[in-house]
Amino acid sequence: MTIIKIANYGLAFLLEMSALFILGYWGFHLQADKTIRIVVGILAPLAMIVIWGIWCAPTSTHRLDGIWLLLIKCLIFAIVTYCLFSMKLTAFAVTFGFLVILHLGLSLYFKTL
């Protein structure tokens, strides 16, 4: 069980880093003016960093707990999954969504959310 728990921590890290990359990629590839693409490509991952740092980071003084933490993580990862779908990357979106569900399910089971 310890191996699964440690692997889940690694999966969490990979999902979070992937989410930042996906948000930036999505922003830079919007069907919009170049200025808007640059602004969204920078601000979308930055917004996730700020939200995650305030309410989801383990050492944050304002960290949410219980259902609220689960809900904000679900919301963030759902937005990232939507970004993948909107770019017509369906296979990546389904895979990402499955890995998020697996990670959150294991986190709830091990009480490491």
PDB file of N, CA and C in Angstrom:
ATOM      1  N   MET A   1       0.813  -1.202   0.000  1.00  0.00           N
ATOM      2  CA  MET A   1       0.000   0.000   0.000  1.00  0.00           C
ATOM      3  C   MET A   1       0.854   1.262   0.000  1.00  0.00           C
ATOM      4  N   THR A   2       2.005   1.205   0.636  1.00  0.00           N
ATOM      5  CA  THR A   2       2.863   2.379   0.689  1.00  0.00           C
ATOM      6  C   THR A   2       3.327   2.776  -0.711  1.00  0.00           C
ATOM      7  N   ILE A   3       3.595   1.793  -1.553  1.00  0.00           N
ATOM      8  CA  ILE A   3       4.033   2.089  -2.914  1.00  0.00           C
ATOM      9  C   ILE A   3       2.929   2.817  -3.677  1.00  0.00           C
ATOM     10  N   ILE A   4       1.694   2.382  -3.504  1.00  0.00           N
ATOM     11  CA  ILE A   4       0.566   3.033  -4.184  1.00  0.00           C
ATOM     12  C   ILE A   4       0.403   4.459  -3.676  1.00  0.00           C
ATOM     13  N   LYS A   5       0.567   4.638  -2.379  1.00  0.00           N
ATOM     14  CA  LYS A   5       0.438   5.975  -1.788  1.00  0.00           C
ATOM     15  C   LYS A   5       1.513   6.921  -2.335  1.00  0.00           C
ATOM     16  N   ILE A   6       2.744   6.450  -2.405  1.00  0.00           N
ATOM     17  CA  ILE A   6       3.840   7.266  -2.937  1.00  0.00           C
ATOM     18  C   ILE A   6       3.626   7.537  -4.427  1.00  0.00           C
ATOM     19  N   ALA A   7       3.179   6.522  -5.157  1.00  0.00           N
ATOM     20  CA  ALA A   7       2.895   6.711  -6.586  1.00  0.00           C
ATOM     21  C   ALA A   7       1.793   7.748  -6.782  1.00  0.00           C
ATOM     22  N   ASN A   8       0.827   7.778  -5.869  1.00  0.00           N
ATOM     23  CA  ASN A   8      -0.254   8.761  -5.965  1.00  0.00           C
ATOM     24  C   ASN A   8       0.273  10.176  -5.741  1.00  0.00           C
ATOM     25  N   TYR A   9       1.249  10.337  -4.855  1.00  0.00           N
ATOM     26  CA  TYR A   9       1.881  11.655  -4.687  1.00  0.00           C
ATOM     27  C   TYR A   9       2.565  12.086  -5.990  1.00  0.00           C
ATOM     28  N   GLY A  10       3.241  11.143  -6.626  1.00  0.00           N
ATOM     29  CA  GLY A  10       3.880  11.438  -7.906  1.00  0.00           C
ATOM     30  C   GLY A  10       2.862  11.789  -8.979  1.00  0.00           C
ATOM     31  N   LEU A  11       1.752  11.053  -8.997  1.00  0.00           N
ATOM     32  CA  LEU A  11       0.683  11.342  -9.949  1.00  0.00           C
ATOM     33  C   LEU A  11       0.112  12.732  -9.703  1.00  0.00           C
ATOM     34  N   ALA A  12      -0.057  13.097  -8.435  1.00  0.00           N
ATOM     35  CA  ALA A  12      -0.568  14.430  -8.100  1.00  0.00           C
ATOM     36  C   ALA A  12       0.352  15.505  -8.661  1.00  0.00           C
ATOM     37  N   PHE A  13       1.642  15.332  -8.472  1.00  0.00           N
ATOM     38  CA  PHE A  13       2.609  16.310  -8.983  1.00  0.00           C
ATOM     39  C   PHE A  13       2.534  16.410 -10.503  1.00  0.00           C
ATOM     40  N   LEU A  14       2.488  15.268 -11.176  1.00  0.00           N
ATOM     41  CA  LEU A  14       2.421  15.275 -12.638  1.00  0.00           C
ATOM     42  C   LEU A  14       1.132  15.919 -13.140  1.00  0.00           C
ATOM     43  N   LEU A  15       0.018  15.660 -12.466  1.00  0.00           N
ATOM     44  CA  LEU A  15      -1.251  16.273 -12.867  1.00  0.00           C
ATOM     45  C   LEU A  15      -1.211  17.787 -12.696  1.00  0.00           C
ATOM     46  N   GLU A  16      -0.648  18.236 -11.592  1.00  0.00           N
ATOM     47  CA  GLU A  16      -0.581  19.682 -11.339  1.00  0.00           C
ATOM     48  C   GLU A  16       0.322  20.378 -12.356  1.00  0.00           C
ATOM     49  N   MET A  17       1.472  19.798 -12.645  1.00  0.00           N
ATOM     50  CA  MET A  17       2.375  20.400 -13.631  1.00  0.00           C
ATOM     51  C   MET A  17       1.766  20.338 -15.034  1.00  0.00           C
ATOM     52  N   SER A  18       1.111  19.238 -15.343  1.00  0.00           N
ATOM     53  CA  SER A  18       0.443  19.121 -16.639  1.00  0.00           C
ATOM     54  C   SER A  18      -0.667  20.152 -16.773  1.00  0.00           C
ATOM     55  N   ALA A  19      -1.393  20.385 -15.692  1.00  0.00           N
ATOM     56  CA  ALA A  19      -2.474  21.372 -15.723  1.00  0.00           C
ATOM     57  C   ALA A  19      -1.931  22.757 -16.052  1.00  0.00           C
ATOM     58  N   LEU A  20      -0.807  23.112 -15.464  1.00  0.00           N
ATOM     59  CA  LEU A  20      -0.197  24.415 -15.769  1.00  0.00           C
ATOM     60  C   LEU A  20       0.193  24.505 -17.243  1.00  0.00           C
ATOM     61  N   PHE A  21       0.816  23.462 -17.747  1.00  0.00           N
ATOM     62  CA  PHE A  21       1.221  23.444 -19.152  1.00  0.00           C
ATOM     63  C   PHE A  21       0.009  23.523 -20.076  1.00  0.00           C
ATOM     64  N   ILE A  22      -1.027  22.735 -19.771  1.00  0.00           N
ATOM     65  CA  ILE A  22      -2.229  22.704 -20.615  1.00  0.00           C
ATOM     66  C   ILE A  22      -2.911  24.064 -20.637  1.00  0.00           C
ATOM     67  N   LEU A  23      -3.024  24.710 -19.482  1.00  0.00           N
ATOM     68  CA  LEU A  23      -3.658  26.031 -19.443  1.00  0.00           C
ATOM     69  C   LEU A  23      -2.877  27.042 -20.277  1.00  0.00           C
ATOM     70  N   GLY A  24      -1.564  27.007 -20.177  1.00  0.00           N
ATOM     71  CA  GLY A  24      -0.748  27.907 -20.984  1.00  0.00           C
ATOM     72  C   GLY A  24      -0.869  27.605 -22.470  1.00  0.00           C
ATOM     73  N   TYR A  25      -0.798  26.345 -22.811  1.00  0.00           N
ATOM     74  CA  TYR A  25      -0.919  25.931 -24.214  1.00  0.00           C
ATOM     75  C   TYR A  25      -2.270  26.347 -24.777  1.00  0.00           C
ATOM     76  N   TRP A  26      -3.329  26.117 -23.998  1.00  0.00           N
ATOM     77  CA  TRP A  26      -4.680  26.502 -24.413  1.00  0.00           C
ATOM     78  C   TRP A  26      -4.759  28.007 -24.659  1.00  0.00           C
ATOM     79  N   GLY A  27      -4.207  28.786 -23.737  1.00  0.00           N
ATOM     80  CA  GLY A  27      -4.254  30.235 -23.875  1.00  0.00           C
ATOM     81  C   GLY A  27      -3.521  30.731 -25.106  1.00  0.00           C
ATOM     82  N   PHE A  28      -2.353  30.170 -25.363  1.00  0.00           N
ATOM     83  CA  PHE A  28      -1.561  30.611 -26.512  1.00  0.00           C
ATOM     84  C   PHE A  28      -2.132  30.140 -27.851  1.00  0.00           C
ATOM     85  N   HIS A  29      -3.045  29.170 -27.819  1.00  0.00           N
ATOM     86  CA  HIS A  29      -3.622  28.653 -29.062  1.00  0.00           C
ATOM     87  C   HIS A  29      -5.098  29.008 -29.225  1.00  0.00           C
ATOM     88  N   LEU A  30      -5.574  30.004 -28.505  1.00  0.00           N
ATOM     89  CA  LEU A  30      -6.946  30.475 -28.691  1.00  0.00           C
ATOM     90  C   LEU A  30      -7.111  31.059 -30.087  1.00  0.00           C
ATOM     91  N   GLN A  31      -8.324  31.009 -30.589  1.00  0.00           N
ATOM     92  CA  GLN A  31      -8.632  31.644 -31.872  1.00  0.00           C
ATOM     93  C   GLN A  31      -8.976  33.103 -31.597  1.00  0.00           C
ATOM     94  N   ALA A  32      -7.970  33.892 -31.298  1.00  0.00           N
ATOM     95  CA  ALA A  32      -8.172  35.297 -30.942  1.00  0.00           C
ATOM     96  C   ALA A  32      -6.966  36.103 -31.412  1.00  0.00           C
ATOM     97  N   ASP A  33      -7.030  37.380 -31.135  1.00  0.00           N
ATOM     98  CA  ASP A  33      -5.939  38.289 -31.468  1.00  0.00           C
ATOM     99  C   ASP A  33      -4.664  37.862 -30.735  1.00  0.00           C
ATOM    100  N   LYS A  34      -3.518  38.162 -31.313  1.00  0.00           N
ATOM    101  CA  LYS A  34      -2.234  37.748 -30.737  1.00  0.00           C
ATOM    102  C   LYS A  34      -2.053  38.274 -29.317  1.00  0.00           C
ATOM    103  N   THR A  35      -2.462  39.512 -29.079  1.00  0.00           N
ATOM    104  CA  THR A  35      -2.326  40.098 -27.742  1.00  0.00           C
ATOM    105  C   THR A  35      -3.148  39.323 -26.719  1.00  0.00           C
ATOM    106  N   ILE A  36      -4.371  38.968 -27.090  1.00  0.00           N
ATOM    107  CA  ILE A  36      -5.237  38.210 -26.183  1.00  0.00           C
ATOM    108  C   ILE A  36      -4.646  36.838 -25.912  1.00  0.00           C
ATOM    109  N   ARG A  37      -4.112  36.205 -26.939  1.00  0.00           N
ATOM    110  CA  ARG A  37      -3.498  34.885 -26.745  1.00  0.00           C
ATOM    111  C   ARG A  37      -2.331  34.958 -25.770  1.00  0.00           C
ATOM    112  N   ILE A  38      -1.515  35.976 -25.896  1.00  0.00           N
ATOM    113  CA  ILE A  38      -0.364  36.122 -24.998  1.00  0.00           C
ATOM    114  C   ILE A  38      -0.833  36.362 -23.568  1.00  0.00           C
ATOM    115  N   VAL A  39      -1.802  37.256 -23.403  1.00  0.00           N
ATOM    116  CA  VAL A  39      -2.299  37.576 -22.056  1.00  0.00           C
ATOM    117  C   VAL A  39      -2.934  36.350 -21.412  1.00  0.00           C
ATOM    118  N   VAL A  40      -3.813  35.659 -22.144  1.00  0.00           N
ATOM    119  CA  VAL A  40      -4.481  34.475 -21.585  1.00  0.00           C
ATOM    120  C   VAL A  40      -3.478  33.348 -21.362  1.00  0.00           C
ATOM    121  N   GLY A  41      -2.535  33.192 -22.277  1.00  0.00           N
ATOM    122  CA  GLY A  41      -1.522  32.147 -22.129  1.00  0.00           C
ATOM    123  C   GLY A  41      -0.658  32.323 -20.898  1.00  0.00           C
ATOM    124  N   ILE A  42      -0.487  33.555 -20.461  1.00  0.00           N
ATOM    125  CA  ILE A  42       0.286  33.825 -19.244  1.00  0.00           C
ATOM    126  C   ILE A  42      -0.610  33.828 -18.009  1.00  0.00           C
ATOM    127  N   LEU A  43      -1.783  34.458 -18.118  1.00  0.00           N
ATOM    128  CA  LEU A  43      -2.640  34.621 -16.941  1.00  0.00           C
ATOM    129  C   LEU A  43      -3.375  33.351 -16.517  1.00  0.00           C
ATOM    130  N   ALA A  44      -3.720  32.470 -17.447  1.00  0.00           N
ATOM    131  CA  ALA A  44      -4.443  31.248 -17.073  1.00  0.00           C
ATOM    132  C   ALA A  44      -3.614  30.369 -16.125  1.00  0.00           C
ATOM    133  N   PRO A  45      -2.363  30.036 -16.465  1.00  0.00           N
ATOM    134  CA  PRO A  45      -1.573  29.252 -15.508  1.00  0.00           C
ATOM    135  C   PRO A  45      -1.262  30.034 -14.232  1.00  0.00           C
ATOM    136  N   LEU A  46      -1.064  31.349 -14.374  1.00  0.00           N
ATOM    137  CA  LEU A  46      -0.786  32.174 -13.205  1.00  0.00           C
ATOM    138  C   LEU A  46      -1.969  32.168 -12.234  1.00  0.00           C
ATOM    139  N   ALA A  47      -3.183  32.225 -12.768  1.00  0.00           N
ATOM    140  CA  ALA A  47      -4.380  32.172 -11.919  1.00  0.00           C
ATOM    141  C   ALA A  47      -4.447  30.838 -11.179  1.00  0.00           C
ATOM    142  N   MET A  48      -4.114  29.751 -11.873  1.00  0.00           N
ATOM    143  CA  MET A  48      -4.118  28.450 -11.206  1.00  0.00           C
ATOM    144  C   MET A  48      -3.069  28.400 -10.102  1.00  0.00           C
ATOM    145  N   ILE A  49      -1.899  28.953 -10.364  1.00  0.00           N
ATOM    146  CA  ILE A  49      -0.836  28.971  -9.352  1.00  0.00           C
ATOM    147  C   ILE A  49      -1.298  29.716  -8.110  1.00  0.00           C
ATOM    148  N   VAL A  50      -1.927  30.867  -8.299  1.00  0.00           N
ATOM    149  CA  VAL A  50      -2.386  31.672  -7.161  1.00  0.00           C
ATOM    150  C   VAL A  50      -3.478  30.940  -6.391  1.00  0.00           C
ATOM    151  N   ILE A  51      -4.479  30.418  -7.101  1.00  0.00           N
ATOM    152  CA  ILE A  51      -5.577  29.708  -6.435  1.00  0.00           C
ATOM    153  C   ILE A  51      -5.052  28.481  -5.709  1.00  0.00           C
ATOM    154  N   TRP A  52      -4.203  27.709  -6.380  1.00  0.00           N
ATOM    155  CA  TRP A  52      -3.654  26.496  -5.765  1.00  0.00           C
ATOM    156  C   TRP A  52      -2.789  26.857  -4.555  1.00  0.00           C
ATOM    157  N   GLY A  53      -1.988  27.886  -4.702  1.00  0.00           N
ATOM    158  CA  GLY A  53      -1.101  28.292  -3.608  1.00  0.00           C
ATOM    159  C   GLY A  53      -1.846  28.772  -2.380  1.00  0.00           C
ATOM    160  N   ILE A  54      -2.972  29.432  -2.575  1.00  0.00           N
ATOM    161  CA  ILE A  54      -3.734  29.954  -1.438  1.00  0.00           C
ATOM    162  C   ILE A  54      -4.573  28.866  -0.784  1.00  0.00           C
ATOM    163  N   TRP A  55      -5.320  28.088  -1.572  1.00  0.00           N
ATOM    164  CA  TRP A  55      -6.316  27.195  -0.989  1.00  0.00           C
ATOM    165  C   TRP A  55      -6.002  25.710  -1.067  1.00  0.00           C
ATOM    166  N   CYS A  56      -5.021  25.295  -1.857  1.00  0.00           N
ATOM    167  CA  CYS A  56      -4.765  23.860  -2.020  1.00  0.00           C
ATOM    168  C   CYS A  56      -3.389  23.410  -1.546  1.00  0.00           C
ATOM    169  N   ALA A  57      -2.446  24.318  -1.458  1.00  0.00           N
ATOM    170  CA  ALA A  57      -1.078  23.932  -1.089  1.00  0.00           C
ATOM    171  C   ALA A  57      -1.037  23.397   0.343  1.00  0.00           C
ATOM    172  N   PRO A  58      -0.307  22.313   0.561  1.00  0.00           N
ATOM    173  CA  PRO A  58      -0.262  21.697   1.894  1.00  0.00           C
ATOM    174  C   PRO A  58       0.236  22.623   3.000  1.00  0.00           C
ATOM    175  N   THR A  59       1.115  23.560   2.698  1.00  0.00           N
ATOM    176  CA  THR A  59       1.661  24.439   3.740  1.00  0.00           C
ATOM    177  C   THR A  59       0.982  25.802   3.790  1.00  0.00           C
ATOM    178  N   SER A  60      -0.094  25.974   3.037  1.00  0.00           N
ATOM    179  CA  SER A  60      -0.793  27.257   3.010  1.00  0.00           C
ATOM    180  C   SER A  60      -1.517  27.513   4.329  1.00  0.00           C
ATOM    181  N   THR A  61      -1.520  28.772   4.760  1.00  0.00           N
ATOM    182  CA  THR A  61      -2.234  29.123   5.993  1.00  0.00           C
ATOM    183  C   THR A  61      -3.738  29.182   5.770  1.00  0.00           C
ATOM    184  N   HIS A  62      -4.178  29.287   4.519  1.00  0.00           N
ATOM    185  CA  HIS A  62      -5.608  29.352   4.198  1.00  0.00           C
ATOM    186  C   HIS A  62      -6.097  28.076   3.515  1.00  0.00           C
ATOM    187  N   ARG A  63      -5.378  26.978   3.679  1.00  0.00           N
ATOM    188  CA  ARG A  63      -5.725  25.718   3.009  1.00  0.00           C
ATOM    189  C   ARG A  63      -7.132  25.276   3.390  1.00  0.00           C
ATOM    190  N   LEU A  64      -7.882  24.909   2.380  1.00  0.00           N
ATOM    191  CA  LEU A  64      -9.211  24.362   2.608  1.00  0.00           C
ATOM    192  C   LEU A  64      -9.069  22.920   3.068  1.00  0.00           C
ATOM    193  N   ASP A  65     -10.128  22.381   3.634  1.00  0.00           N
ATOM    194  CA  ASP A  65     -10.084  20.976   4.023  1.00  0.00           C
ATOM    195  C   ASP A  65     -11.407  20.308   3.687  1.00  0.00           C
ATOM    196  N   GLY A  66     -11.391  18.998   3.736  1.00  0.00           N
ATOM    197  CA  GLY A  66     -12.601  18.226   3.507  1.00  0.00           C
ATOM    198  C   GLY A  66     -13.189  18.415   2.117  1.00  0.00           C
ATOM    199  N   ILE A  67     -14.510  18.555   2.115  1.00  0.00           N
ATOM    200  CA  ILE A  67     -15.247  18.631   0.856  1.00  0.00           C
ATOM    201  C   ILE A  67     -14.872  19.865   0.042  1.00  0.00           C
ATOM    202  N   TRP A  68     -14.534  20.970   0.718  1.00  0.00           N
ATOM    203  CA  TRP A  68     -14.190  22.198   0.000  1.00  0.00           C
ATOM    204  C   TRP A  68     -12.896  22.046  -0.782  1.00  0.00           C
ATOM    205  N   LEU A  69     -11.931  21.372  -0.197  1.00  0.00           N
ATOM    206  CA  LEU A  69     -10.674  21.120  -0.907  1.00  0.00           C
ATOM    207  C   LEU A  69     -10.923  20.210  -2.108  1.00  0.00           C
ATOM    208  N   LEU A  70     -11.724  19.184  -1.892  1.00  0.00           N
ATOM    209  CA  LEU A  70     -12.053  18.274  -2.989  1.00  0.00           C
ATOM    210  C   LEU A  70     -12.769  19.019  -4.116  1.00  0.00           C
ATOM    211  N   LEU A  71     -13.709  19.889  -3.758  1.00  0.00           N
ATOM    212  CA  LEU A  71     -14.466  20.626  -4.772  1.00  0.00           C
ATOM    213  C   LEU A  71     -13.590  21.576  -5.581  1.00  0.00           C
ATOM    214  N   ILE A  72     -12.696  22.291  -4.927  1.00  0.00           N
ATOM    215  CA  ILE A  72     -11.854  23.231  -5.682  1.00  0.00           C
ATOM    216  C   ILE A  72     -10.872  22.482  -6.582  1.00  0.00           C
ATOM    217  N   LYS A  73     -10.365  21.344  -6.116  1.00  0.00           N
ATOM    218  CA  LYS A  73      -9.487  20.548  -6.979  1.00  0.00           C
ATOM    219  C   LYS A  73     -10.263  19.996  -8.167  1.00  0.00           C
ATOM    220  N   CYS A  74     -11.484  19.523  -7.916  1.00  0.00           N
ATOM    221  CA  CYS A  74     -12.323  19.036  -9.019  1.00  0.00           C
ATOM    222  C   CYS A  74     -12.606  20.148 -10.020  1.00  0.00           C
ATOM    223  N   LEU A  75     -12.898  21.343  -9.525  1.00  0.00           N
ATOM    224  CA  LEU A  75     -13.181  22.476 -10.402  1.00  0.00           C
ATOM    225  C   LEU A  75     -11.967  22.833 -11.261  1.00  0.00           C
ATOM    226  N   ILE A  76     -10.808  22.918 -10.636  1.00  0.00           N
ATOM    227  CA  ILE A  76      -9.590  23.261 -11.381  1.00  0.00           C
ATOM    228  C   ILE A  76      -9.303  22.212 -12.453  1.00  0.00           C
ATOM    229  N   PHE A  77      -9.347  20.940 -12.069  1.00  0.00           N
ATOM    230  CA  PHE A  77      -9.040  19.892 -13.039  1.00  0.00           C
ATOM    231  C   PHE A  77     -10.133  19.761 -14.100  1.00  0.00           C
ATOM    232  N   ALA A  78     -11.378  20.082 -13.756  1.00  0.00           N
ATOM    233  CA  ALA A  78     -12.453  20.070 -14.754  1.00  0.00           C
ATOM    234  C   ALA A  78     -12.236  21.169 -15.789  1.00  0.00           C
ATOM    235  N   ILE A  79     -11.790  22.326 -15.348  1.00  0.00           N
ATOM    236  CA  ILE A  79     -11.489  23.418 -16.285  1.00  0.00           C
ATOM    237  C   ILE A  79     -10.368  23.007 -17.234  1.00  0.00           C
ATOM    238  N   VAL A  80      -9.347  22.367 -16.694  1.00  0.00           N
ATOM    239  CA  VAL A  80      -8.228  21.917 -17.534  1.00  0.00           C
ATOM    240  C   VAL A  80      -8.714  20.868 -18.540  1.00  0.00           C
ATOM    241  N   THR A  81      -9.556  19.950 -18.086  1.00  0.00           N
ATOM    242  CA  THR A  81     -10.108  18.936 -18.986  1.00  0.00           C
ATOM    243  C   THR A  81     -10.947  19.587 -20.077  1.00  0.00           C
ATOM    244  N   TYR A  82     -11.733  20.594 -19.700  1.00  0.00           N
ATOM    245  CA  TYR A  82     -12.522  21.331 -20.692  1.00  0.00           C
ATOM    246  C   TYR A  82     -11.607  21.995 -21.728  1.00  0.00           C
ATOM    247  N   CYS A  83     -10.503  22.553 -21.274  1.00  0.00           N
ATOM    248  CA  CYS A  83      -9.556  23.180 -22.209  1.00  0.00           C
ATOM    249  C   CYS A  83      -9.048  22.162 -23.227  1.00  0.00           C
ATOM    250  N   LEU A  84      -8.771  20.951 -22.772  1.00  0.00           N
ATOM    251  CA  LEU A  84      -8.329  19.904 -23.698  1.00  0.00           C
ATOM    252  C   LEU A  84      -9.429  19.563 -24.696  1.00  0.00           C
ATOM    253  N   PHE A  85     -10.668  19.424 -24.206  1.00  0.00           N
ATOM    254  CA  PHE A  85     -11.786  19.148 -25.112  1.00  0.00           C
ATOM    255  C   PHE A  85     -11.972  20.278 -26.116  1.00  0.00           C
ATOM    256  N   SER A  86     -11.837  21.526 -25.662  1.00  0.00           N
ATOM    257  CA  SER A  86     -12.052  22.666 -26.557  1.00  0.00           C
ATOM    258  C   SER A  86     -10.984  22.754 -27.644  1.00  0.00           C
ATOM    259  N   MET A  87      -9.824  22.145 -27.395  1.00  0.00           N
ATOM    260  CA  MET A  87      -8.770  22.112 -28.414  1.00  0.00           C
ATOM    261  C   MET A  87      -8.881  20.864 -29.286  1.00  0.00           C
ATOM    262  N   LYS A  88      -9.978  20.128 -29.131  1.00  0.00           N
ATOM    263  CA  LYS A  88     -10.228  18.898 -29.901  1.00  0.00           C
ATOM    264  C   LYS A  88      -9.205  17.806 -29.593  1.00  0.00           C
ATOM    265  N   LEU A  89      -8.697  17.801 -28.369  1.00  0.00           N
ATOM    266  CA  LEU A  89      -7.759  16.766 -27.920  1.00  0.00           C
ATOM    267  C   LEU A  89      -8.510  15.794 -27.011  1.00  0.00           C
ATOM    268  N   THR A  90      -9.489  15.115 -27.595  1.00  0.00           N
ATOM    269  CA  THR A  90     -10.408  14.285 -26.826  1.00  0.00           C
ATOM    270  C   THR A  90      -9.704  13.152 -26.091  1.00  0.00           C
ATOM    271  N   ALA A  91      -8.798  12.471 -26.748  1.00  0.00           N
ATOM    272  CA  ALA A  91      -8.103  11.347 -26.103  1.00  0.00           C
ATOM    273  C   ALA A  91      -7.303  11.834 -24.894  1.00  0.00           C
ATOM    274  N   PHE A  92      -6.632  12.975 -25.035  1.00  0.00           N
ATOM    275  CA  PHE A  92      -5.884  13.530 -23.910  1.00  0.00           C
ATOM    276  C   PHE A  92      -6.831  13.957 -22.792  1.00  0.00           C
ATOM    277  N   ALA A  93      -7.974  14.534 -23.159  1.00  0.00           N
ATOM    278  CA  ALA A  93      -8.938  14.990 -22.158  1.00  0.00           C
ATOM    279  C   ALA A  93      -9.487  13.815 -21.359  1.00  0.00           C
ATOM    280  N   VAL A  94      -9.840  12.744 -22.045  1.00  0.00           N
ATOM    281  CA  VAL A  94     -10.374  11.560 -21.360  1.00  0.00           C
ATOM    282  C   VAL A  94      -9.304  10.944 -20.465  1.00  0.00           C
ATOM    283  N   THR A  95      -8.090  10.841 -20.968  1.00  0.00           N
ATOM    284  CA  THR A  95      -6.991  10.280 -20.173  1.00  0.00           C
ATOM    285  C   THR A  95      -6.704  11.145 -18.955  1.00  0.00           C
ATOM    286  N   PHE A  96      -6.643  12.456 -19.157  1.00  0.00           N
ATOM    287  CA  PHE A  96      -6.390  13.373 -18.047  1.00  0.00           C
ATOM    288  C   PHE A  96      -7.508  13.262 -17.012  1.00  0.00           C
ATOM    289  N   GLY A  97      -8.753  13.267 -17.471  1.00  0.00           N
ATOM    290  CA  GLY A  97      -9.888  13.145 -16.558  1.00  0.00           C
ATOM    291  C   GLY A  97      -9.856  11.844 -15.774  1.00  0.00           C
ATOM    292  N   PHE A  98      -9.520  10.740 -16.441  1.00  0.00           N
ATOM    293  CA  PHE A  98      -9.421   9.453 -15.761  1.00  0.00           C
ATOM    294  C   PHE A  98      -8.335   9.480 -14.688  1.00  0.00           C
ATOM    295  N   LEU A  99      -7.183  10.050 -15.026  1.00  0.00           N
ATOM    296  CA  LEU A  99      -6.086  10.120 -14.054  1.00  0.00           C
ATOM    297  C   LEU A  99      -6.441  11.013 -12.869  1.00  0.00           C
ATOM    298  N   VAL A 100      -7.187  12.078 -13.116  1.00  0.00           N
ATOM    299  CA  VAL A 100      -7.635  12.949 -12.020  1.00  0.00           C
ATOM    300  C   VAL A 100      -8.567  12.177 -11.092  1.00  0.00           C
ATOM    301  N   ILE A 101      -9.520  11.453 -11.668  1.00  0.00           N
ATOM    302  CA  ILE A 101     -10.456  10.668 -10.850  1.00  0.00           C
ATOM    303  C   ILE A 101      -9.702   9.607 -10.055  1.00  0.00           C
ATOM    304  N   LEU A 102      -8.748   8.940 -10.697  1.00  0.00           N
ATOM    305  CA  LEU A 102      -7.932   7.939 -10.005  1.00  0.00           C
ATOM    306  C   LEU A 102      -7.171   8.573  -8.849  1.00  0.00           C
ATOM    307  N   HIS A 103      -6.525   9.696  -9.114  1.00  0.00           N
ATOM    308  CA  HIS A 103      -5.752  10.384  -8.078  1.00  0.00           C
ATOM    309  C   HIS A 103      -6.632  10.825  -6.911  1.00  0.00           C
ATOM    310  N   LEU A 104      -7.746  11.476  -7.212  1.00  0.00           N
ATOM    311  CA  LEU A 104      -8.605  11.964  -6.129  1.00  0.00           C
ATOM    312  C   LEU A 104      -9.233  10.809  -5.357  1.00  0.00           C
ATOM    313  N   GLY A 105      -9.579   9.734  -6.055  1.00  0.00           N
ATOM    314  CA  GLY A 105     -10.113   8.554  -5.373  1.00  0.00           C
ATOM    315  C   GLY A 105      -9.096   7.942  -4.422  1.00  0.00           C
ATOM    316  N   LEU A 106      -7.856   7.792  -4.882  1.00  0.00           N
ATOM    317  CA  LEU A 106      -6.805   7.257  -4.010  1.00  0.00           C
ATOM    318  C   LEU A 106      -6.502   8.211  -2.858  1.00  0.00           C
ATOM    319  N   SER A 107      -6.540   9.505  -3.125  1.00  0.00           N
ATOM    320  CA  SER A 107      -6.292  10.486  -2.063  1.00  0.00           C
ATOM    321  C   SER A 107      -7.373  10.410  -0.992  1.00  0.00           C
ATOM    322  N   LEU A 108      -8.607  10.225  -1.403  1.00  0.00           N
ATOM    323  CA  LEU A 108      -9.688  10.070  -0.423  1.00  0.00           C
ATOM    324  C   LEU A 108      -9.516   8.777   0.364  1.00  0.00           C
ATOM    325  N   TYR A 109      -9.149   7.694  -0.330  1.00  0.00           N
ATOM    326  CA  TYR A 109      -8.971   6.403   0.328  1.00  0.00           C
ATOM    327  C   TYR A 109      -7.854   6.453   1.373  1.00  0.00           C
ATOM    328  N   PHE A 110      -6.728   7.060   1.010  1.00  0.00           N
ATOM    329  CA  PHE A 110      -5.588   7.138   1.922  1.00  0.00           C
ATOM    330  C   PHE A 110      -5.657   8.334   2.867  1.00  0.00           C
ATOM    331  N   LYS A 111      -6.705   9.153   2.719  1.00  0.00           N
ATOM    332  CA  LYS A 111      -6.874  10.365   3.539  1.00  0.00           C
ATOM    333  C   LYS A 111      -5.666  11.300   3.407  1.00  0.00           C
ATOM    334  N   THR A 112      -5.216  11.481   2.161  1.00  0.00           N
ATOM    335  CA  THR A 112      -4.078  12.362   1.888  1.00  0.00           C
ATOM    336  C   THR A 112      -4.487  13.531   1.007  1.00  0.00           C
ATOM    337  N   LEU A 113      -5.757  13.842   0.997  1.00  0.00           N
ATOM    338  CA  LEU A 113      -6.250  14.928   0.147  1.00  0.00           C
ATOM    339  C   LEU A 113      -5.708  16.222   0.667  1.00  0.00           C
TER     340      LEU A 113
END
